[in-house]
Amino acid sequence: MQDAEFTDAWRSGEWDGRHRLFRESNEGSRYFPVGCLQRVRSILNAFGVDYEVEGVVNPGQGDLDVSWDTEMTPREYQQDAVEDGLRHGSGIVAMPTGSGKTLIGLRLLSRLKRPAMVLCHRQEIADQWIEKMRDILGVDVAQCYGGTRENGDFMVGLYQSIYDDDNSEVRDSVRTDHDVLIADECHRVGAKTFSQVALNINATYRYGLSATPEREDNATLRVIGGTGEMIADIRPEGLIEDGYLAQPRWEILDAPRAGGSYRQWQAEYKSEIVENDARNQLIADKVEDLPKPCYVHVERINHGERLEGLIEDA
């Protein structure tokens, strides 16, 4: 695990810095996340180990009433991603922002016609999924977030709402027997609690959608464990060349330092990024000059709130 040497558990010798997905149950059996099956098979094949895989079968199309009520026609690369998803049964679809990841997810749901859970990490994203599933697929969608916990054949939930922090487990009241799982922004599944939520959805078809499925903290294998290996990697260069995405223009701003000197990364980040007034003002001034709407990406809520205040003042 990246930066494990900075944790108290590592320094005290209680932890060797590794997270293990291959585990042993209280009854003595060993298990690993189903998304790692392809990787485990390749290792067993490489060492010439005889084995049998039981119970991992894609049942095919279901019989739920799911429509496709839209004039939108998937582009060629989107349709290819859908076919890859149906052929593999599980896996990660990596696509840049603005290339239609949600449309691919909706198309998979319309083709499979089976009970499905869509996992999101932010309420506005979950709201968009519910709206599009109702409008395009014509299905009733149960909401599991924002104080509402409904169950149904089609559900959209936030990881944070499905997970019970007090008991460190998925809530008993949440339905988890859906045949299809779609993890939007699936790189979030690398987080421990998010991974537990994804793995507790007992789905045969498991898909991850993300522009950045690779994690910098070495937790990518957790993502694969919850959704499967990469099955479609659609690069922005090709979409720009084909005219689907706009040509980006990059500009690097020379941000001033706050002048602090700290030993710990968190203190440095707080001083030089979040609370750096001169740097924040530089961003706010740049936003004022750019066409609207304008998207500003931050990692922390309090940083966004500071920038929001400066932008509103401008």
Protein backbone atom coordinates (compact mmCIF):
# COMPACT_ATOMS: atom_id res chain seq x y z
CA MET A 1 0.00 0.00 0.00
CA GLN A 2 1.41 3.37 -0.97
CA ASP A 3 2.76 5.40 1.99
CA ALA A 4 2.12 2.51 4.38
CA GLU A 5 5.41 3.27 6.14
CA PHE A 6 3.88 6.48 7.49
CA THR A 7 1.09 4.72 9.40
CA ASP A 8 1.24 3.87 13.11
CA ALA A 9 0.32 0.25 12.38
CA TRP A 10 3.32 -0.18 10.09
CA ARG A 11 5.71 1.54 12.45
CA SER A 12 4.58 -0.63 15.37
CA GLY A 13 4.98 -3.82 13.36
CA GLU A 14 1.25 -4.68 13.47
CA TRP A 15 0.88 -4.37 9.69
CA ASP A 16 3.26 -5.20 6.85
CA GLY A 17 1.79 -2.57 4.54
CA ARG A 18 -0.18 -4.98 2.34
CA HIS A 19 -3.90 -5.38 1.73
CA ARG A 20 -4.90 -8.94 0.88
CA LEU A 21 -7.84 -9.93 -1.29
CA PHE A 22 -7.19 -13.68 -0.90
CA ARG A 23 -8.60 -14.52 2.50
CA GLU A 24 -9.66 -17.36 4.76
CA SER A 25 -13.13 -17.58 6.26
CA ASN A 26 -13.92 -18.61 9.84
CA GLU A 27 -14.87 -22.06 8.51
CA GLY A 28 -11.45 -22.51 6.93
CA SER A 29 -12.36 -22.02 3.26
CA ARG A 30 -10.40 -19.56 1.14
CA TYR A 31 -11.91 -17.02 -1.19
CA PHE A 32 -11.17 -13.99 -3.35
CA PRO A 33 -13.31 -11.35 -5.13
CA VAL A 34 -15.04 -12.67 -8.24
CA GLY A 35 -13.62 -9.85 -10.36
CA CYS A 36 -10.15 -11.37 -9.88
CA LEU A 37 -11.22 -14.71 -11.39
CA GLN A 38 -9.60 -14.09 -14.77
CA ARG A 39 -6.33 -13.10 -13.12
CA VAL A 40 -6.35 -16.13 -10.80
CA ARG A 41 -7.07 -18.45 -13.73
CA SER A 42 -4.14 -17.05 -15.68
CA ILE A 43 -1.82 -17.68 -12.71
CA LEU A 44 -3.10 -21.24 -12.21
CA ASN A 45 -2.72 -21.92 -15.93
CA ALA A 46 0.83 -20.58 -15.90
CA PHE A 47 1.76 -23.01 -13.11
CA GLY A 48 -0.10 -25.93 -14.67
CA VAL A 49 -2.57 -26.31 -11.80
CA ASP A 50 -5.73 -28.31 -12.49
CA TYR A 51 -8.93 -26.59 -11.33
CA GLU A 52 -12.65 -26.28 -11.98
CA VAL A 53 -14.78 -23.13 -11.94
CA GLU A 54 -18.32 -23.74 -10.73
CA GLY A 55 -21.35 -21.48 -10.59
CA VAL A 56 -19.90 -18.59 -12.62
CA VAL A 57 -22.29 -18.59 -15.58
CA ASN A 58 -23.81 -15.62 -17.39
CA PRO A 59 -27.53 -16.43 -17.63
CA GLY A 60 -28.21 -14.17 -20.62
CA GLN A 61 -31.11 -11.82 -21.19
CA GLY A 62 -33.83 -11.62 -18.56
CA ASP A 63 -37.54 -10.93 -18.91
CA LEU A 64 -38.05 -7.59 -17.16
CA ASP A 65 -39.93 -4.91 -19.08
CA VAL A 66 -37.15 -2.49 -20.08
CA SER A 67 -37.56 -0.11 -23.02
CA TRP A 68 -35.21 2.13 -24.99
CA ASP A 69 -37.27 5.30 -25.27
CA THR A 70 -34.82 7.75 -26.82
CA GLU A 71 -33.77 8.93 -30.25
CA MET A 72 -30.13 8.72 -29.17
CA THR A 73 -28.24 6.06 -31.10
CA PRO A 74 -25.03 4.78 -29.52
CA ARG A 75 -21.96 5.81 -31.46
CA GLU A 76 -19.79 3.08 -32.91
CA TYR A 77 -17.30 3.08 -30.03
CA GLN A 78 -20.14 3.07 -27.52
CA GLN A 79 -21.86 0.13 -29.20
CA ASP A 80 -18.53 -1.73 -29.32
CA ALA A 81 -18.16 -1.18 -25.56
CA VAL A 82 -21.68 -2.54 -24.96
CA GLU A 83 -20.95 -5.65 -27.03
CA ASP A 84 -17.66 -6.14 -25.17
CA GLY A 85 -19.55 -5.89 -21.89
CA LEU A 86 -22.14 -8.45 -22.93
CA ARG A 87 -19.51 -10.83 -24.29
CA HIS A 88 -17.26 -10.69 -21.22
CA GLY A 89 -20.09 -10.47 -18.70
CA SER A 90 -18.07 -8.22 -16.41
CA GLY A 91 -15.28 -5.69 -16.57
CA ILE A 92 -14.19 -2.07 -16.63
CA VAL A 93 -15.09 0.35 -19.41
CA ALA A 94 -12.62 3.23 -19.37
CA MET A 95 -13.77 6.32 -21.26
CA PRO A 96 -12.92 10.02 -20.98
CA THR A 97 -15.36 12.51 -19.49
CA GLY A 98 -17.99 13.56 -22.02
CA SER A 99 -17.82 10.37 -24.10
CA GLY A 100 -21.07 8.83 -22.87
CA LYS A 101 -20.30 6.34 -20.08
CA THR A 102 -23.82 6.63 -18.69
CA LEU A 103 -25.34 5.86 -22.09
CA ILE A 104 -23.30 2.64 -22.23
CA GLY A 105 -24.54 1.68 -18.77
CA LEU A 106 -28.14 2.35 -19.76
CA ARG A 107 -27.72 0.32 -22.94
CA LEU A 108 -26.36 -2.62 -20.97
CA LEU A 109 -29.36 -2.48 -18.64
CA SER A 110 -31.76 -2.33 -21.59
CA ARG A 111 -30.13 -5.36 -23.22
CA LEU A 112 -29.83 -7.50 -20.10
CA LYS A 113 -33.35 -6.81 -18.75
CA ARG A 114 -32.37 -8.08 -15.30
CA PRO A 115 -32.58 -6.60 -11.76
CA ALA A 116 -29.77 -4.06 -11.39
CA MET A 117 -28.00 -1.91 -8.81
CA VAL A 118 -26.18 1.27 -9.83
CA LEU A 119 -23.64 2.51 -7.28
CA CYS A 120 -22.57 6.18 -7.18
CA HIS A 121 -20.49 8.29 -4.82
CA ARG A 122 -22.29 11.63 -5.18
CA GLN A 123 -25.97 12.50 -4.95
CA GLU A 124 -26.09 14.64 -8.09
CA ILE A 125 -24.71 11.72 -10.12
CA ALA A 126 -27.23 9.36 -8.54
CA ASP A 127 -30.07 11.80 -9.33
CA GLN A 128 -29.00 11.82 -12.99
CA TRP A 129 -29.00 8.03 -13.16
CA ILE A 130 -32.49 7.83 -11.69
CA GLU A 131 -33.82 10.44 -14.10
CA LYS A 132 -32.34 8.75 -17.17
CA MET A 133 -33.36 5.25 -16.11
CA ARG A 134 -36.93 6.40 -15.68
CA ASP A 135 -37.05 8.45 -18.87
CA ILE A 136 -35.09 6.18 -21.23
CA LEU A 137 -35.61 2.70 -19.81
CA GLY A 138 -39.13 3.31 -18.51
CA VAL A 139 -38.51 1.48 -15.23
CA ASP A 140 -39.37 2.21 -11.63
CA VAL A 141 -36.17 3.09 -9.79
CA ALA A 142 -35.69 2.69 -6.04
CA GLN A 143 -33.59 5.36 -4.34
CA CYS A 144 -31.12 4.40 -1.62
CA TYR A 145 -29.59 7.66 -0.42
CA GLY A 146 -30.51 11.08 0.92
CA GLY A 147 -32.52 9.68 3.82
CA THR A 148 -34.55 7.41 1.52
CA ARG A 149 -33.88 3.66 1.47
CA GLU A 150 -36.10 1.91 -1.03
CA ASN A 151 -35.69 -1.55 -2.57
CA GLY A 152 -36.70 -2.71 -6.02
CA ASP A 153 -35.64 -4.52 -9.18
CA PHE A 154 -33.80 -1.37 -10.26
CA MET A 155 -31.94 0.59 -7.59
CA VAL A 156 -29.56 3.54 -7.47
CA GLY A 157 -27.61 3.98 -4.26
CA LEU A 158 -24.73 5.82 -2.72
CA TYR A 159 -21.96 3.72 -1.22
CA GLN A 160 -22.12 5.89 1.90
CA SER A 161 -25.85 5.24 2.38
CA ILE A 162 -25.67 1.50 1.79
CA TYR A 163 -22.78 1.01 4.21
CA ASP A 164 -23.51 0.99 7.93
CA ASP A 165 -20.57 2.72 9.64
CA ASP A 166 -21.73 1.76 13.11
CA ASN A 167 -21.57 -1.98 12.38
CA SER A 168 -18.91 -1.84 9.62
CA GLU A 169 -21.07 -3.73 7.14
CA VAL A 170 -23.69 -3.30 4.43
CA ARG A 171 -27.11 -2.50 5.89
CA ASP A 172 -29.39 -5.51 6.32
CA SER A 173 -32.31 -3.52 4.94
CA VAL A 174 -30.67 -3.03 1.52
CA ARG A 175 -31.47 -5.53 -1.23
CA THR A 176 -28.25 -7.07 -2.56
CA ASP A 177 -29.43 -9.90 -4.86
CA HIS A 178 -29.41 -7.96 -8.13
CA ASP A 179 -28.15 -9.74 -11.25
CA VAL A 180 -26.39 -6.64 -12.61
CA LEU A 181 -24.04 -4.22 -10.87
CA ILE A 182 -22.87 -0.95 -12.41
CA ALA A 183 -20.27 0.96 -10.42
CA ASP A 184 -20.12 4.51 -11.75
CA GLU A 185 -16.74 6.21 -11.22
CA CYS A 186 -15.56 2.71 -10.35
CA HIS A 187 -12.10 3.84 -9.23
CA ARG A 188 -13.90 4.68 -5.98
CA VAL A 189 -14.28 0.93 -5.38
CA GLY A 190 -10.60 0.96 -4.41
CA ALA A 191 -11.58 2.50 -1.07
CA LYS A 192 -12.09 -0.13 1.63
CA THR A 193 -15.72 0.59 2.55
CA PHE A 194 -16.73 1.18 -1.09
CA SER A 195 -15.14 -2.15 -1.98
CA GLN A 196 -17.18 -3.91 0.70
CA VAL A 197 -20.38 -2.44 -0.71
CA ALA A 198 -19.57 -3.51 -4.27
CA LEU A 199 -18.60 -7.04 -3.23
CA ASN A 200 -21.79 -7.46 -1.19
CA ILE A 201 -23.93 -6.93 -4.28
CA ASN A 202 -24.35 -10.54 -5.39
CA ALA A 203 -24.38 -9.77 -9.11
CA THR A 204 -23.37 -12.04 -11.97
CA TYR A 205 -22.88 -9.15 -14.39
CA ARG A 206 -20.49 -6.56 -12.92
CA TYR A 207 -19.42 -3.41 -14.76
CA GLY A 208 -17.24 -0.48 -13.78
CA LEU A 209 -17.36 2.87 -15.57
CA SER A 210 -14.59 5.43 -15.13
CA ALA A 211 -12.37 7.90 -16.94
CA THR A 212 -9.53 7.04 -14.55
CA PRO A 213 -9.82 3.42 -13.35
CA GLU A 214 -6.14 3.21 -12.40
CA ARG A 215 -5.52 4.39 -8.84
CA GLU A 216 -2.32 5.96 -7.61
CA ASP A 217 -2.51 4.30 -4.18
CA ASN A 218 -1.97 0.75 -5.50
CA ALA A 219 -5.63 -0.13 -4.82
CA THR A 220 -6.47 -0.83 -8.47
CA LEU A 221 -6.70 -4.56 -7.71
CA ARG A 222 -9.58 -3.80 -5.34
CA VAL A 223 -11.39 -2.11 -8.23
CA ILE A 224 -10.78 -5.16 -10.42
CA GLY A 225 -12.01 -7.40 -7.60
CA GLY A 226 -15.35 -5.61 -7.56
CA THR A 227 -15.90 -5.20 -11.30
CA GLY A 228 -13.49 -7.37 -13.30
CA GLU A 229 -10.60 -6.63 -15.64
CA MET A 230 -10.46 -3.87 -18.24
CA ILE A 231 -12.60 -4.81 -21.25
CA ALA A 232 -12.75 -1.49 -23.12
CA ASP A 233 -10.18 1.30 -23.00
CA ILE A 234 -11.38 4.19 -25.15
CA ARG A 235 -8.74 6.91 -25.34
CA PRO A 236 -9.50 10.63 -25.71
CA GLU A 237 -6.98 11.03 -28.55
CA GLY A 238 -9.09 8.92 -30.89
CA LEU A 239 -12.33 10.64 -29.90
CA ILE A 240 -10.74 14.07 -30.48
CA GLU A 241 -9.46 12.96 -33.86
CA ASP A 242 -12.92 11.68 -34.83
CA GLY A 243 -14.57 14.92 -33.70
CA TYR A 244 -16.45 13.51 -30.71
CA LEU A 245 -14.47 15.52 -28.14
CA ALA A 246 -13.10 19.06 -28.36
CA GLN A 247 -9.37 19.68 -28.71
CA PRO A 248 -8.14 20.72 -25.24
CA ARG A 249 -6.01 23.77 -24.58
CA TRP A 250 -3.64 23.47 -21.64
CA GLU A 251 -2.42 26.36 -19.56
CA ILE A 252 -0.26 25.96 -16.46
CA LEU A 253 -0.62 28.71 -13.88
CA ASP A 254 2.41 29.63 -11.79
CA ALA A 255 0.86 29.35 -8.35
CA PRO A 256 2.55 31.18 -5.45
CA ARG A 257 3.62 29.26 -2.36
CA ALA A 258 2.33 30.07 1.08
CA GLY A 259 5.86 29.75 2.40
CA GLY A 260 5.34 27.10 5.06
CA SER A 261 7.67 24.20 5.72
CA TYR A 262 6.06 21.01 6.99
CA ARG A 263 7.09 17.43 7.48
CA GLN A 264 3.71 15.81 6.83
CA TRP A 265 1.92 15.74 3.48
CA GLN A 266 -1.50 16.55 4.96
CA ALA A 267 -0.22 19.72 6.62
CA GLU A 268 1.60 20.72 3.45
CA TYR A 269 -1.50 20.16 1.30
CA LYS A 270 -3.67 22.15 3.67
CA SER A 271 -1.26 25.10 3.76
CA GLU A 272 -0.13 25.20 0.12
CA ILE A 273 -3.37 24.16 -1.61
CA VAL A 274 -6.51 24.52 0.51
CA GLU A 275 -5.62 27.61 2.56
CA ASN A 276 -3.23 29.30 0.12
CA ASP A 277 -5.12 32.58 -0.35
CA ALA A 278 -2.96 33.85 -3.20
CA ARG A 279 -3.28 30.57 -5.10
CA ASN A 280 -7.06 30.45 -4.57
CA GLN A 281 -7.41 34.04 -5.76
CA LEU A 282 -5.43 33.16 -8.90
CA ILE A 283 -7.93 30.40 -9.65
CA ALA A 284 -10.92 32.68 -8.99
CA ASP A 285 -9.50 35.36 -11.29
CA LYS A 286 -8.97 32.78 -14.03
CA VAL A 287 -12.54 31.51 -13.70
CA GLU A 288 -13.81 35.08 -14.11
CA ASP A 289 -12.07 35.32 -17.50
CA LEU A 290 -13.25 31.93 -18.81
CA PRO A 291 -16.54 31.23 -20.66
CA LYS A 292 -19.36 29.82 -18.54
CA PRO A 293 -20.33 27.31 -17.36
CA CYS A 294 -16.90 26.57 -15.91
CA TYR A 295 -15.94 23.46 -13.95
CA VAL A 296 -13.35 23.69 -11.16
CA HIS A 297 -12.12 20.38 -9.74
CA VAL A 298 -11.03 20.10 -6.11
CA GLU A 299 -10.20 17.19 -3.82
CA ARG A 300 -11.61 18.57 -0.58
CA ILE A 301 -14.93 20.14 0.34
CA ASN A 302 -13.45 23.00 2.35
CA HIS A 303 -11.22 23.91 -0.60
CA GLY A 304 -14.27 24.05 -2.85
CA GLU A 305 -16.09 26.23 -0.34
CA ARG A 306 -13.18 28.69 -0.22
CA LEU A 307 -13.05 28.91 -4.01
CA GLU A 308 -16.84 29.25 -4.20
CA GLY A 309 -16.73 32.28 -1.94
CA LEU A 310 -13.96 33.94 -3.97
CA ILE A 311 -15.72 33.22 -7.27
CA GLU A 312 -19.03 34.59 -5.98
CA ASP A 313 -17.28 37.74 -4.79
CA ALA A 314 -15.77 38.19 -8.24
